[in-house]
mmCIF file of all heavy atoms, coordinates in Angstrom:
data_MODEL
# 
_entry.id   MODEL 
# 
loop_
_atom_site.group_PDB 
_atom_site.id 
_atom_site.type_symbol 
_atom_site.label_atom_id 
_atom_site.label_alt_id 
_atom_site.label_comp_id 
_atom_site.label_asym_id 
_atom_site.label_entity_id 
_atom_site.label_seq_id 
_atom_site.pdbx_PDB_ins_code 
_atom_site.Cartn_x 
_atom_site.Cartn_y 
_atom_site.Cartn_z 
_atom_site.occupancy 
_atom_site.B_iso_or_equiv 
_atom_site.pdbx_formal_charge 
_atom_site.auth_seq_id 
_atom_site.auth_comp_id 
_atom_site.auth_asym_id 
_atom_site.auth_atom_id 
_atom_site.pdbx_PDB_model_num 
ATOM 1   N N   . VAL A 1 1  ? 18.752 -15.934 19.889 1.00 0.00 ? 1  VAL A N   1 
ATOM 2   C CA  . VAL A 1 1  ? 18.214 -15.088 18.830 1.00 0.00 ? 1  VAL A CA  1 
ATOM 3   C C   . VAL A 1 1  ? 16.691 -15.016 18.941 1.00 0.00 ? 1  VAL A C   1 
ATOM 4   O O   . VAL A 1 1  ? 16.097 -13.940 18.817 1.00 0.00 ? 1  VAL A O   1 
ATOM 5   C CB  . VAL A 1 1  ? 18.648 -15.606 17.437 1.00 0.00 ? 1  VAL A CB  1 
ATOM 6   C CG1 . VAL A 1 1  ? 17.968 -14.819 16.332 1.00 0.00 ? 1  VAL A CG1 1 
ATOM 7   C CG2 . VAL A 1 1  ? 20.157 -15.562 17.299 1.00 0.00 ? 1  VAL A CG2 1 
ATOM 8   N N   . ALA A 1 2  ? 16.063 -16.142 19.207 1.00 0.00 ? 2  ALA A N   1 
ATOM 9   C CA  . ALA A 1 2  ? 14.602 -16.151 19.350 1.00 0.00 ? 2  ALA A CA  1 
ATOM 10  C C   . ALA A 1 2  ? 14.185 -15.304 20.547 1.00 0.00 ? 2  ALA A C   1 
ATOM 11  O O   . ALA A 1 2  ? 13.190 -14.576 20.487 1.00 0.00 ? 2  ALA A O   1 
ATOM 12  C CB  . ALA A 1 2  ? 14.096 -17.574 19.493 1.00 0.00 ? 2  ALA A CB  1 
ATOM 13  N N   . LYS A 1 3  ? 14.939 -15.402 21.626 1.00 0.00 ? 3  LYS A N   1 
ATOM 14  C CA  . LYS A 1 3  ? 14.643 -14.597 22.820 1.00 0.00 ? 3  LYS A CA  1 
ATOM 15  C C   . LYS A 1 3  ? 14.781 -13.108 22.510 1.00 0.00 ? 3  LYS A C   1 
ATOM 16  O O   . LYS A 1 3  ? 13.937 -12.299 22.907 1.00 0.00 ? 3  LYS A O   1 
ATOM 17  C CB  . LYS A 1 3  ? 15.593 -15.009 23.951 1.00 0.00 ? 3  LYS A CB  1 
ATOM 18  C CG  . LYS A 1 3  ? 15.465 -14.209 25.209 1.00 0.00 ? 3  LYS A CG  1 
ATOM 19  C CD  . LYS A 1 3  ? 14.229 -14.576 25.974 1.00 0.00 ? 3  LYS A CD  1 
ATOM 20  C CE  . LYS A 1 3  ? 14.288 -13.909 27.346 1.00 0.00 ? 3  LYS A CE  1 
ATOM 21  N NZ  . LYS A 1 3  ? 13.075 -13.235 27.654 1.00 0.00 ? 3  LYS A NZ  1 
ATOM 22  N N   . LEU A 1 4  ? 15.836 -12.746 21.799 1.00 0.00 ? 4  LEU A N   1 
ATOM 23  C CA  . LEU A 1 4  ? 16.025 -11.343 21.420 1.00 0.00 ? 4  LEU A CA  1 
ATOM 24  C C   . LEU A 1 4  ? 14.902 -10.852 20.514 1.00 0.00 ? 4  LEU A C   1 
ATOM 25  O O   . LEU A 1 4  ? 14.410 -9.730  20.666 1.00 0.00 ? 4  LEU A O   1 
ATOM 26  C CB  . LEU A 1 4  ? 17.378 -11.161 20.729 1.00 0.00 ? 4  LEU A CB  1 
ATOM 27  C CG  . LEU A 1 4  ? 18.597 -11.154 21.636 1.00 0.00 ? 4  LEU A CG  1 
ATOM 28  C CD1 . LEU A 1 4  ? 19.875 -11.114 20.800 1.00 0.00 ? 4  LEU A CD1 1 
ATOM 29  C CD2 . LEU A 1 4  ? 18.565 -9.965  22.573 1.00 0.00 ? 4  LEU A CD2 1 
ATOM 30  N N   . GLU A 1 5  ? 14.496 -11.678 19.563 1.00 0.00 ? 5  GLU A N   1 
ATOM 31  C CA  . GLU A 1 5  ? 13.401 -11.295 18.668 1.00 0.00 ? 5  GLU A CA  1 
ATOM 32  C C   . GLU A 1 5  ? 12.105 -11.091 19.443 1.00 0.00 ? 5  GLU A C   1 
ATOM 33  O O   . GLU A 1 5  ? 11.357 -10.146 19.188 1.00 0.00 ? 5  GLU A O   1 
ATOM 34  C CB  . GLU A 1 5  ? 13.210 -12.363 17.588 1.00 0.00 ? 5  GLU A CB  1 
ATOM 35  C CG  . GLU A 1 5  ? 14.280 -12.372 16.521 1.00 0.00 ? 5  GLU A CG  1 
ATOM 36  C CD  . GLU A 1 5  ? 14.089 -13.478 15.509 1.00 0.00 ? 5  GLU A CD  1 
ATOM 37  O OE1 . GLU A 1 5  ? 13.229 -14.373 15.726 1.00 0.00 ? 5  GLU A OE1 1 
ATOM 38  O OE2 . GLU A 1 5  ? 14.810 -13.453 14.497 1.00 0.00 ? 5  GLU A OE2 1 
ATOM 39  N N   . GLU A 1 6  ? 11.856 -11.960 20.401 1.00 0.00 ? 6  GLU A N   1 
ATOM 40  C CA  . GLU A 1 6  ? 10.642 -11.835 21.212 1.00 0.00 ? 6  GLU A CA  1 
ATOM 41  C C   . GLU A 1 6  ? 10.683 -10.559 22.054 1.00 0.00 ? 6  GLU A C   1 
ATOM 42  O O   . GLU A 1 6  ? 9.686  -9.832  22.145 1.00 0.00 ? 6  GLU A O   1 
ATOM 43  C CB  . GLU A 1 6  ? 10.512 -13.058 22.117 1.00 0.00 ? 6  GLU A CB  1 
ATOM 44  C CG  . GLU A 1 6  ? 9.245  -13.078 22.944 1.00 0.00 ? 6  GLU A CG  1 
ATOM 45  C CD  . GLU A 1 6  ? 9.176  -14.319 23.831 1.00 0.00 ? 6  GLU A CD  1 
ATOM 46  O OE1 . GLU A 1 6  ? 9.596  -15.395 23.393 1.00 0.00 ? 6  GLU A OE1 1 
ATOM 47  O OE2 . GLU A 1 6  ? 8.686  -14.171 24.967 1.00 0.00 ? 6  GLU A OE2 1 
ATOM 48  N N   . ASP A 1 7  ? 11.841 -10.270 22.664 1.00 0.00 ? 7  ASP A N   1 
ATOM 49  C CA  . ASP A 1 7  ? 11.981 -9.042  23.456 1.00 0.00 ? 7  ASP A CA  1 
ATOM 50  C C   . ASP A 1 7  ? 11.801 -7.802  22.586 1.00 0.00 ? 7  ASP A C   1 
ATOM 51  O O   . ASP A 1 7  ? 11.139 -6.831  22.986 1.00 0.00 ? 7  ASP A O   1 
ATOM 52  C CB  . ASP A 1 7  ? 13.354 -9.000  24.139 1.00 0.00 ? 7  ASP A CB  1 
ATOM 53  C CG  . ASP A 1 7  ? 13.473 -10.008 25.269 1.00 0.00 ? 7  ASP A CG  1 
ATOM 54  O OD1 . ASP A 1 7  ? 12.428 -10.554 25.696 1.00 0.00 ? 7  ASP A OD1 1 
ATOM 55  O OD2 . ASP A 1 7  ? 14.624 -10.258 25.710 1.00 0.00 ? 7  ASP A OD2 1 
ATOM 56  N N   . LEU A 1 8  ? 12.386 -7.811  21.410 1.00 0.00 ? 8  LEU A N   1 
ATOM 57  C CA  . LEU A 1 8  ? 12.268 -6.683  20.498 1.00 0.00 ? 8  LEU A CA  1 
ATOM 58  C C   . LEU A 1 8  ? 10.819 -6.473  20.068 1.00 0.00 ? 8  LEU A C   1 
ATOM 59  O O   . LEU A 1 8  ? 10.328 -5.342  20.018 1.00 0.00 ? 8  LEU A O   1 
ATOM 60  C CB  . LEU A 1 8  ? 13.161 -6.901  19.272 1.00 0.00 ? 8  LEU A CB  1 
ATOM 61  C CG  . LEU A 1 8  ? 13.176 -5.794  18.247 1.00 0.00 ? 8  LEU A CG  1 
ATOM 62  C CD1 . LEU A 1 8  ? 13.754 -4.518  18.849 1.00 0.00 ? 8  LEU A CD1 1 
ATOM 63  C CD2 . LEU A 1 8  ? 13.980 -6.207  17.027 1.00 0.00 ? 8  LEU A CD2 1 
ATOM 64  N N   . GLU A 1 9  ? 10.133 -7.551  19.777 1.00 0.00 ? 9  GLU A N   1 
ATOM 65  C CA  . GLU A 1 9  ? 8.723  -7.444  19.383 1.00 0.00 ? 9  GLU A CA  1 
ATOM 66  C C   . GLU A 1 9  ? 7.881  -6.886  20.524 1.00 0.00 ? 9  GLU A C   1 
ATOM 67  O O   . GLU A 1 9  ? 7.014  -6.020  20.312 1.00 0.00 ? 9  GLU A O   1 
ATOM 68  C CB  . GLU A 1 9  ? 8.219  -8.831  18.969 1.00 0.00 ? 9  GLU A CB  1 
ATOM 69  C CG  . GLU A 1 9  ? 6.828  -8.810  18.388 1.00 0.00 ? 9  GLU A CG  1 
ATOM 70  C CD  . GLU A 1 9  ? 6.426  -10.191 17.879 1.00 0.00 ? 9  GLU A CD  1 
ATOM 71  O OE1 . GLU A 1 9  ? 7.286  -10.916 17.366 1.00 0.00 ? 9  GLU A OE1 1 
ATOM 72  O OE2 . GLU A 1 9  ? 5.227  -10.507 18.006 1.00 0.00 ? 9  GLU A OE2 1 
ATOM 73  N N   . GLN A 1 10 ? 8.144  -7.338  21.745 1.00 0.00 ? 10 GLN A N   1 
ATOM 74  C CA  . GLN A 1 10 ? 7.401  -6.841  22.909 1.00 0.00 ? 10 GLN A CA  1 
ATOM 75  C C   . GLN A 1 10 ? 7.664  -5.357  23.131 1.00 0.00 ? 10 GLN A C   1 
ATOM 76  O O   . GLN A 1 10 ? 6.752  -4.573  23.398 1.00 0.00 ? 10 GLN A O   1 
ATOM 77  C CB  . GLN A 1 10 ? 7.792  -7.651  24.152 1.00 0.00 ? 10 GLN A CB  1 
ATOM 78  C CG  . GLN A 1 10 ? 7.011  -7.285  25.381 1.00 0.00 ? 10 GLN A CG  1 
ATOM 79  C CD  . GLN A 1 10 ? 5.538  -7.603  25.242 1.00 0.00 ? 10 GLN A CD  1 
ATOM 80  O OE1 . GLN A 1 10 ? 5.161  -8.561  24.583 1.00 0.00 ? 10 GLN A OE1 1 
ATOM 81  N NE2 . GLN A 1 10 ? 4.699  -6.794  25.845 1.00 0.00 ? 10 GLN A NE2 1 
ATOM 82  N N   . MET A 1 11 ? 8.929  -4.956  22.992 1.00 0.00 ? 11 MET A N   1 
ATOM 83  C CA  . MET A 1 11 ? 9.274  -3.545  23.157 1.00 0.00 ? 11 MET A CA  1 
ATOM 84  C C   . MET A 1 11 ? 8.623  -2.685  22.078 1.00 0.00 ? 11 MET A C   1 
ATOM 85  O O   . MET A 1 11 ? 8.131  -1.588  22.354 1.00 0.00 ? 11 MET A O   1 
ATOM 86  C CB  . MET A 1 11 ? 10.805 -3.379  23.089 1.00 0.00 ? 11 MET A CB  1 
ATOM 87  C CG  . MET A 1 11 ? 11.355 -2.632  24.250 1.00 0.00 ? 11 MET A CG  1 
ATOM 88  S SD  . MET A 1 11 ? 13.142 -2.478  24.357 1.00 0.00 ? 11 MET A SD  1 
ATOM 89  C CE  . MET A 1 11 ? 13.816 -2.815  22.810 1.00 0.00 ? 11 MET A CE  1 
ATOM 90  N N   . THR A 1 12 ? 8.612  -3.177  20.863 1.00 0.00 ? 12 THR A N   1 
ATOM 91  C CA  . THR A 1 12 ? 7.996  -2.440  19.761 1.00 0.00 ? 12 THR A CA  1 
ATOM 92  C C   . THR A 1 12 ? 6.505  -2.226  20.020 1.00 0.00 ? 12 THR A C   1 
ATOM 93  O O   . THR A 1 12 ? 5.979  -1.131  19.811 1.00 0.00 ? 12 THR A O   1 
ATOM 94  C CB  . THR A 1 12 ? 8.209  -3.193  18.439 1.00 0.00 ? 12 THR A CB  1 
ATOM 95  O OG1 . THR A 1 12 ? 9.598  -3.404  18.234 1.00 0.00 ? 12 THR A OG1 1 
ATOM 96  C CG2 . THR A 1 12 ? 7.635  -2.417  17.267 1.00 0.00 ? 12 THR A CG2 1 
ATOM 97  N N   . LEU A 1 13 ? 5.839  -3.274  20.479 1.00 0.00 ? 13 LEU A N   1 
ATOM 98  C CA  . LEU A 1 13 ? 4.410  -3.146  20.782 1.00 0.00 ? 13 LEU A CA  1 
ATOM 99  C C   . LEU A 1 13 ? 4.173  -2.137  21.908 1.00 0.00 ? 13 LEU A C   1 
ATOM 100 O O   . LEU A 1 13 ? 3.240  -1.327  21.844 1.00 0.00 ? 13 LEU A O   1 
ATOM 101 C CB  . LEU A 1 13 ? 3.823  -4.506  21.167 1.00 0.00 ? 13 LEU A CB  1 
ATOM 102 C CG  . LEU A 1 13 ? 3.640  -5.503  20.026 1.00 0.00 ? 13 LEU A CG  1 
ATOM 103 C CD1 . LEU A 1 13 ? 3.210  -6.855  20.567 1.00 0.00 ? 13 LEU A CD1 1 
ATOM 104 C CD2 . LEU A 1 13 ? 2.628  -4.987  19.019 1.00 0.00 ? 13 LEU A CD2 1 
ATOM 105 N N   . THR A 1 14 ? 5.023  -2.165  22.920 1.00 0.00 ? 14 THR A N   1 
ATOM 106 C CA  . THR A 1 14 ? 4.885  -1.223  24.028 1.00 0.00 ? 14 THR A CA  1 
ATOM 107 C C   . THR A 1 14 ? 5.064  0.211   23.550 1.00 0.00 ? 14 THR A C   1 
ATOM 108 O O   . THR A 1 14 ? 4.283  1.101   23.900 1.00 0.00 ? 14 THR A O   1 
ATOM 109 C CB  . THR A 1 14 ? 5.923  -1.538  25.125 1.00 0.00 ? 14 THR A CB  1 
ATOM 110 O OG1 . THR A 1 14 ? 5.762  -2.896  25.536 1.00 0.00 ? 14 THR A OG1 1 
ATOM 111 C CG2 . THR A 1 14 ? 5.746  -0.623  26.321 1.00 0.00 ? 14 THR A CG2 1 
ATOM 112 N N   . TYR A 1 15 ? 6.086  0.440   22.733 1.00 0.00 ? 15 TYR A N   1 
ATOM 113 C CA  . TYR A 1 15 ? 6.321  1.787   22.202 1.00 0.00 ? 15 TYR A CA  1 
ATOM 114 C C   . TYR A 1 15 ? 5.178  2.255   21.312 1.00 0.00 ? 15 TYR A C   1 
ATOM 115 O O   . TYR A 1 15 ? 4.779  3.412   21.360 1.00 0.00 ? 15 TYR A O   1 
ATOM 116 C CB  . TYR A 1 15 ? 7.642  1.857   21.441 1.00 0.00 ? 15 TYR A CB  1 
ATOM 117 C CG  . TYR A 1 15 ? 8.860  1.855   22.331 1.00 0.00 ? 15 TYR A CG  1 
ATOM 118 C CD1 . TYR A 1 15 ? 9.951  1.070   22.043 1.00 0.00 ? 15 TYR A CD1 1 
ATOM 119 C CD2 . TYR A 1 15 ? 8.912  2.641   23.483 1.00 0.00 ? 15 TYR A CD2 1 
ATOM 120 C CE1 . TYR A 1 15 ? 11.064 1.052   22.864 1.00 0.00 ? 15 TYR A CE1 1 
ATOM 121 C CE2 . TYR A 1 15 ? 10.018 2.629   24.308 1.00 0.00 ? 15 TYR A CE2 1 
ATOM 122 C CZ  . TYR A 1 15 ? 11.097 1.834   23.987 1.00 0.00 ? 15 TYR A CZ  1 
ATOM 123 O OH  . TYR A 1 15 ? 12.188 1.827   24.802 1.00 0.00 ? 15 TYR A OH  1 
ATOM 124 N N   . MET A 1 16 ? 4.653  1.364   20.502 1.00 0.00 ? 16 MET A N   1 
ATOM 125 C CA  . MET A 1 16 ? 3.533  1.743   19.633 1.00 0.00 ? 16 MET A CA  1 
ATOM 126 C C   . MET A 1 16 ? 2.312  2.135   20.466 1.00 0.00 ? 16 MET A C   1 
ATOM 127 O O   . MET A 1 16 ? 1.613  3.096   20.134 1.00 0.00 ? 16 MET A O   1 
ATOM 128 C CB  . MET A 1 16 ? 3.206  0.599   18.670 1.00 0.00 ? 16 MET A CB  1 
ATOM 129 C CG  . MET A 1 16 ? 4.260  0.427   17.587 1.00 0.00 ? 16 MET A CG  1 
ATOM 130 S SD  . MET A 1 16 ? 3.947  -0.969  16.513 1.00 0.00 ? 16 MET A SD  1 
ATOM 131 C CE  . MET A 1 16 ? 2.459  -0.454  15.695 1.00 0.00 ? 16 MET A CE  1 
ATOM 132 N N   . GLN A 1 17 ? 2.064  1.401   21.550 1.00 0.00 ? 17 GLN A N   1 
ATOM 133 C CA  . GLN A 1 17 ? 0.942  1.748   22.426 1.00 0.00 ? 17 GLN A CA  1 
ATOM 134 C C   . GLN A 1 17 ? 1.170  3.097   23.093 1.00 0.00 ? 17 GLN A C   1 
ATOM 135 O O   . GLN A 1 17 ? 0.246  3.916   23.181 1.00 0.00 ? 17 GLN A O   1 
ATOM 136 C CB  . GLN A 1 17 ? 0.746  0.664   23.491 1.00 0.00 ? 17 GLN A CB  1 
ATOM 137 C CG  . GLN A 1 17 ? 0.193  -0.631  22.951 1.00 0.00 ? 17 GLN A CG  1 
ATOM 138 C CD  . GLN A 1 17 ? 0.179  -1.740  23.999 1.00 0.00 ? 17 GLN A CD  1 
ATOM 139 O OE1 . GLN A 1 17 ? 0.782  -1.609  25.057 1.00 0.00 ? 17 GLN A OE1 1 
ATOM 140 N NE2 . GLN A 1 17 ? -0.512 -2.833  23.693 1.00 0.00 ? 17 GLN A NE2 1 
ATOM 141 N N   . ASP A 1 18 ? 2.389  3.343   23.545 1.00 0.00 ? 18 ASP A N   1 
ATOM 142 C CA  . ASP A 1 18 ? 2.710  4.635   24.169 1.00 0.00 ? 18 ASP A CA  1 
ATOM 143 C C   . ASP A 1 18 ? 2.540  5.781   23.185 1.00 0.00 ? 18 ASP A C   1 
ATOM 144 O O   . ASP A 1 18 ? 1.985  6.829   23.515 1.00 0.00 ? 18 ASP A O   1 
ATOM 145 C CB  . ASP A 1 18 ? 4.137  4.629   24.713 1.00 0.00 ? 18 ASP A CB  1 
ATOM 146 C CG  . ASP A 1 18 ? 4.293  3.733   25.938 1.00 0.00 ? 18 ASP A CG  1 
ATOM 147 O OD1 . ASP A 1 18 ? 3.259  3.344   26.521 1.00 0.00 ? 18 ASP A OD1 1 
ATOM 148 O OD2 . ASP A 1 18 ? 5.451  3.412   26.294 1.00 0.00 ? 18 ASP A OD2 1 
ATOM 149 N N   . ILE A 1 19 ? 3.017  5.588   21.970 1.00 0.00 ? 19 ILE A N   1 
ATOM 150 C CA  . ILE A 1 19 ? 2.892  6.633   20.944 1.00 0.00 ? 19 ILE A CA  1 
ATOM 151 C C   . ILE A 1 19 ? 1.424  6.900   20.635 1.00 0.00 ? 19 ILE A C   1 
ATOM 152 O O   . ILE A 1 19 ? 1.002  8.050   20.500 1.00 0.00 ? 19 ILE A O   1 
ATOM 153 C CB  . ILE A 1 19 ? 3.682  6.242   19.680 1.00 0.00 ? 19 ILE A CB  1 
ATOM 154 C CG1 . ILE A 1 19 ? 5.176  6.327   19.962 1.00 0.00 ? 19 ILE A CG1 1 
ATOM 155 C CG2 . ILE A 1 19 ? 3.306  7.130   18.495 1.00 0.00 ? 19 ILE A CG2 1 
ATOM 156 C CD1 . ILE A 1 19 ? 6.048  5.789   18.842 1.00 0.00 ? 19 ILE A CD1 1 
ATOM 157 N N   . TYR A 1 20 ? 0.632  5.853   20.536 1.00 0.00 ? 20 TYR A N   1 
ATOM 158 C CA  . TYR A 1 20 ? -0.796 6.023   20.265 1.00 0.00 ? 20 TYR A CA  1 
ATOM 159 C C   . TYR A 1 20 ? -1.469 6.825   21.381 1.00 0.00 ? 20 TYR A C   1 
ATOM 160 O O   . TYR A 1 20 ? -2.252 7.743   21.118 1.00 0.00 ? 20 TYR A O   1 
ATOM 161 C CB  . TYR A 1 20 ? -1.454 4.650   20.105 1.00 0.00 ? 20 TYR A CB  1 
ATOM 162 C CG  . TYR A 1 20 ? -2.948 4.714   19.937 1.00 0.00 ? 20 TYR A CG  1 
ATOM 163 C CD1 . TYR A 1 20 ? -3.508 5.150   18.736 1.00 0.00 ? 20 TYR A CD1 1 
ATOM 164 C CD2 . TYR A 1 20 ? -3.800 4.353   20.968 1.00 0.00 ? 20 TYR A CD2 1 
ATOM 165 C CE1 . TYR A 1 20 ? -4.877 5.217   18.576 1.00 0.00 ? 20 TYR A CE1 1 
ATOM 166 C CE2 . TYR A 1 20 ? -5.166 4.416   20.822 1.00 0.00 ? 20 TYR A CE2 1 
ATOM 167 C CZ  . TYR A 1 20 ? -5.698 4.847   19.626 1.00 0.00 ? 20 TYR A CZ  1 
ATOM 168 O OH  . TYR A 1 20 ? -7.054 4.915   19.479 1.00 0.00 ? 20 TYR A OH  1 
ATOM 169 N N   . GLN A 1 21 ? -1.146 6.496   22.632 1.00 0.00 ? 21 GLN A N   1 
ATOM 170 C CA  . GLN A 1 21 ? -1.737 7.225   23.758 1.00 0.00 ? 21 GLN A CA  1 
ATOM 171 C C   . GLN A 1 21 ? -1.294 8.685   23.763 1.00 0.00 ? 21 GLN A C   1 
ATOM 172 O O   . GLN A 1 21 ? -2.095 9.586   24.024 1.00 0.00 ? 21 GLN A O   1 
ATOM 173 C CB  . GLN A 1 21 ? -1.357 6.547   25.071 1.00 0.00 ? 21 GLN A CB  1 
ATOM 174 C CG  . GLN A 1 21 ? -2.046 5.217   25.278 1.00 0.00 ? 21 GLN A CG  1 
ATOM 175 C CD  . GLN A 1 21 ? -1.569 4.490   26.521 1.00 0.00 ? 21 GLN A CD  1 
ATOM 176 O OE1 . GLN A 1 21 ? -0.607 4.908   27.155 1.00 0.00 ? 21 GLN A OE1 1 
ATOM 177 N NE2 . GLN A 1 21 ? -2.240 3.402   26.870 1.00 0.00 ? 21 GLN A NE2 1 
ATOM 178 N N   . LEU A 1 22 ? -0.020 8.925   23.462 1.00 0.00 ? 22 LEU A N   1 
ATOM 179 C CA  . LEU A 1 22 ? 0.467  10.307  23.408 1.00 0.00 ? 22 LEU A CA  1 
ATOM 180 C C   . LEU A 1 22 ? -0.216 11.097  22.300 1.00 0.00 ? 22 LEU A C   1 
ATOM 181 O O   . LEU A 1 22 ? -0.571 12.264  22.488 1.00 0.00 ? 22 LEU A O   1 
ATOM 182 C CB  . LEU A 1 22 ? 1.981  10.331  23.211 1.00 0.00 ? 22 LEU A CB  1 
ATOM 183 C CG  . LEU A 1 22 ? 2.809  9.943   24.436 1.00 0.00 ? 22 LEU A CG  1 
ATOM 184 C CD1 . LEU A 1 22 ? 4.271  9.824   24.055 1.00 0.00 ? 22 LEU A CD1 1 
ATOM 185 C CD2 . LEU A 1 22 ? 2.625  10.937  25.545 1.00 0.00 ? 22 LEU A CD2 1 
ATOM 186 N N   . LYS A 1 23 ? -0.414 10.480  21.156 1.00 0.00 ? 23 LYS A N   1 
ATOM 187 C CA  . LYS A 1 23 ? -1.098 11.169  20.055 1.00 0.00 ? 23 LYS A CA  1 
ATOM 188 C C   . LYS A 1 23 ? -2.526 11.515  20.435 1.00 0.00 ? 23 LYS A C   1 
ATOM 189 O O   . LYS A 1 23 ? -3.019 12.595  20.097 1.00 0.00 ? 23 LYS A O   1 
ATOM 190 C CB  . LYS A 1 23 ? -1.076 10.305  18.792 1.00 0.00 ? 23 LYS A CB  1 
ATOM 191 C CG  . LYS A 1 23 ? 0.255  10.305  18.087 1.00 0.00 ? 23 LYS A CG  1 
ATOM 192 C CD  . LYS A 1 23 ? 0.206  9.500   16.804 1.00 0.00 ? 23 LYS A CD  1 
ATOM 193 C CE  . LYS A 1 23 ? 1.534  9.528   16.096 1.00 0.00 ? 23 LYS A CE  1 
ATOM 194 N NZ  . LYS A 1 23 ? 1.508  8.775   14.834 1.00 0.00 ? 23 LYS A NZ  1 
ATOM 195 N N   . LYS A 1 24 ? -3.196 10.604  21.146 1.00 0.00 ? 24 LYS A N   1 
ATOM 196 C CA  . LYS A 1 24 ? -4.558 10.893  21.590 1.00 0.00 ? 24 LYS A CA  1 
ATOM 197 C C   . LYS A 1 24 ? -4.573 12.080  22.549 1.00 0.00 ? 24 LYS A C   1 
ATOM 198 O O   . LYS A 1 24 ? -5.413 12.967  22.441 1.00 0.00 ? 24 LYS A O   1 
ATOM 199 C CB  . LYS A 1 24 ? -5.163 9.662   22.274 1.00 0.00 ? 24 LYS A CB  1 
ATOM 200 C CG  . LYS A 1 24 ? -5.705 8.638   21.320 1.00 0.00 ? 24 LYS A CG  1 
ATOM 201 C CD  . LYS A 1 24 ? -6.237 7.389   21.988 1.00 0.00 ? 24 LYS A CD  1 
ATOM 202 C CE  . LYS A 1 24 ? -7.067 7.610   23.198 1.00 0.00 ? 24 LYS A CE  1 
ATOM 203 N NZ  . LYS A 1 24 ? -7.595 6.366   23.798 1.00 0.00 ? 24 LYS A NZ  1 
ATOM 204 N N   . LYS A 1 25 ? -3.617 12.110  23.476 1.00 0.00 ? 25 LYS A N   1 
ATOM 205 C CA  . LYS A 1 25 ? -3.560 13.208  24.441 1.00 0.00 ? 25 LYS A CA  1 
ATOM 206 C C   . LYS A 1 25 ? -3.243 14.528  23.755 1.00 0.00 ? 25 LYS A C   1 
ATOM 207 O O   . LYS A 1 25 ? -3.833 15.565  24.080 1.00 0.00 ? 25 LYS A O   1 
ATOM 208 C CB  . LYS A 1 25 ? -2.518 12.914  25.519 1.00 0.00 ? 25 LYS A CB  1 
ATOM 209 C CG  . LYS A 1 25 ? -2.937 11.823  26.468 1.00 0.00 ? 25 LYS A CG  1 
ATOM 210 C CD  . LYS A 1 25 ? -1.882 11.536  27.509 1.00 0.00 ? 25 LYS A CD  1 
ATOM 211 C CE  . LYS A 1 25 ? -2.317 10.417  28.431 1.00 0.00 ? 25 LYS A CE  1 
ATOM 212 N NZ  . LYS A 1 25 ? -1.306 10.097  29.436 1.00 0.00 ? 25 LYS A NZ  1 
ATOM 213 N N   . VAL A 1 26 ? -2.333 14.506  22.786 1.00 0.00 ? 26 VAL A N   1 
ATOM 214 C CA  . VAL A 1 26 ? -1.992 15.731  22.053 1.00 0.00 ? 26 VAL A CA  1 
ATOM 215 C C   . VAL A 1 26 ? -3.198 16.226  21.274 1.00 0.00 ? 26 VAL A C   1 
ATOM 216 O O   . VAL A 1 26 ? -3.476 17.429  21.238 1.00 0.00 ? 26 VAL A O   1 
ATOM 217 C CB  . VAL A 1 26 ? -0.784 15.481  21.121 1.00 0.00 ? 26 VAL A CB  1 
ATOM 218 C CG1 . VAL A 1 26 ? -0.621 16.606  20.121 1.00 0.00 ? 26 VAL A CG1 1 
ATOM 219 C CG2 . VAL A 1 26 ? 0.484  15.301  21.932 1.00 0.00 ? 26 VAL A CG2 1 
ATOM 220 N N   . LYS A 1 27 ? -3.931 15.318  20.674 1.00 0.00 ? 27 LYS A N   1 
ATOM 221 C CA  . LYS A 1 27 ? -5.128 15.707  19.923 1.00 0.00 ? 27 LYS A CA  1 
ATOM 222 C C   . LYS A 1 27 ? -6.154 16.359  20.843 1.00 0.00 ? 27 LYS A C   1 
ATOM 223 O O   . LYS A 1 27 ? -6.744 17.391  20.498 1.00 0.00 ? 27 LYS A O   1 
ATOM 224 C CB  . LYS A 1 27 ? -5.729 14.488  19.238 1.00 0.00 ? 27 LYS A CB  1 
ATOM 225 C CG  . LYS A 1 27 ? -6.888 14.813  18.347 1.00 0.00 ? 27 LYS A CG  1 
ATOM 226 C CD  . LYS A 1 27 ? -7.398 13.580  17.640 1.00 0.00 ? 27 LYS A CD  1 
ATOM 227 C CE  . LYS A 1 27 ? -8.574 13.931  16.761 1.00 0.00 ? 27 LYS A CE  1 
ATOM 228 N NZ  . LYS A 1 27 ? -9.117 12.754  16.065 1.00 0.00 ? 27 LYS A NZ  1 
ATOM 229 N N   . ILE A 1 28 ? -6.337 15.810  22.028 1.00 0.00 ? 28 ILE A N   1 
ATOM 230 C CA  . ILE A 1 28 ? -7.281 16.386  22.993 1.00 0.00 ? 28 ILE A CA  1 
ATOM 231 C C   . ILE A 1 28 ? -6.820 17.776  23.418 1.00 0.00 ? 28 ILE A C   1 
ATOM 232 O O   . ILE A 1 28 ? -7.611 18.721  23.476 1.00 0.00 ? 28 ILE A O   1 
ATOM 233 C CB  . ILE A 1 28 ? -7.444 15.450  24.203 1.00 0.00 ? 28 ILE A CB  1 
ATOM 234 C CG1 . ILE A 1 28 ? -8.184 14.185  23.790 1.00 0.00 ? 28 ILE A CG1 1 
ATOM 235 C CG2 . ILE A 1 28 ? -8.168 16.151  25.342 1.00 0.00 ? 28 ILE A CG2 1 
ATOM 236 C CD1 . ILE A 1 28 ? -8.176 13.099  24.850 1.00 0.00 ? 28 ILE A CD1 1 
# 
């Protein structure tokens, strides 16, 4: 369960970074 929680948290952070970069590109 701890391993799954850690993987989920890492994936969430990666997706948030990708979304932020995409929003910046769309704004430009």
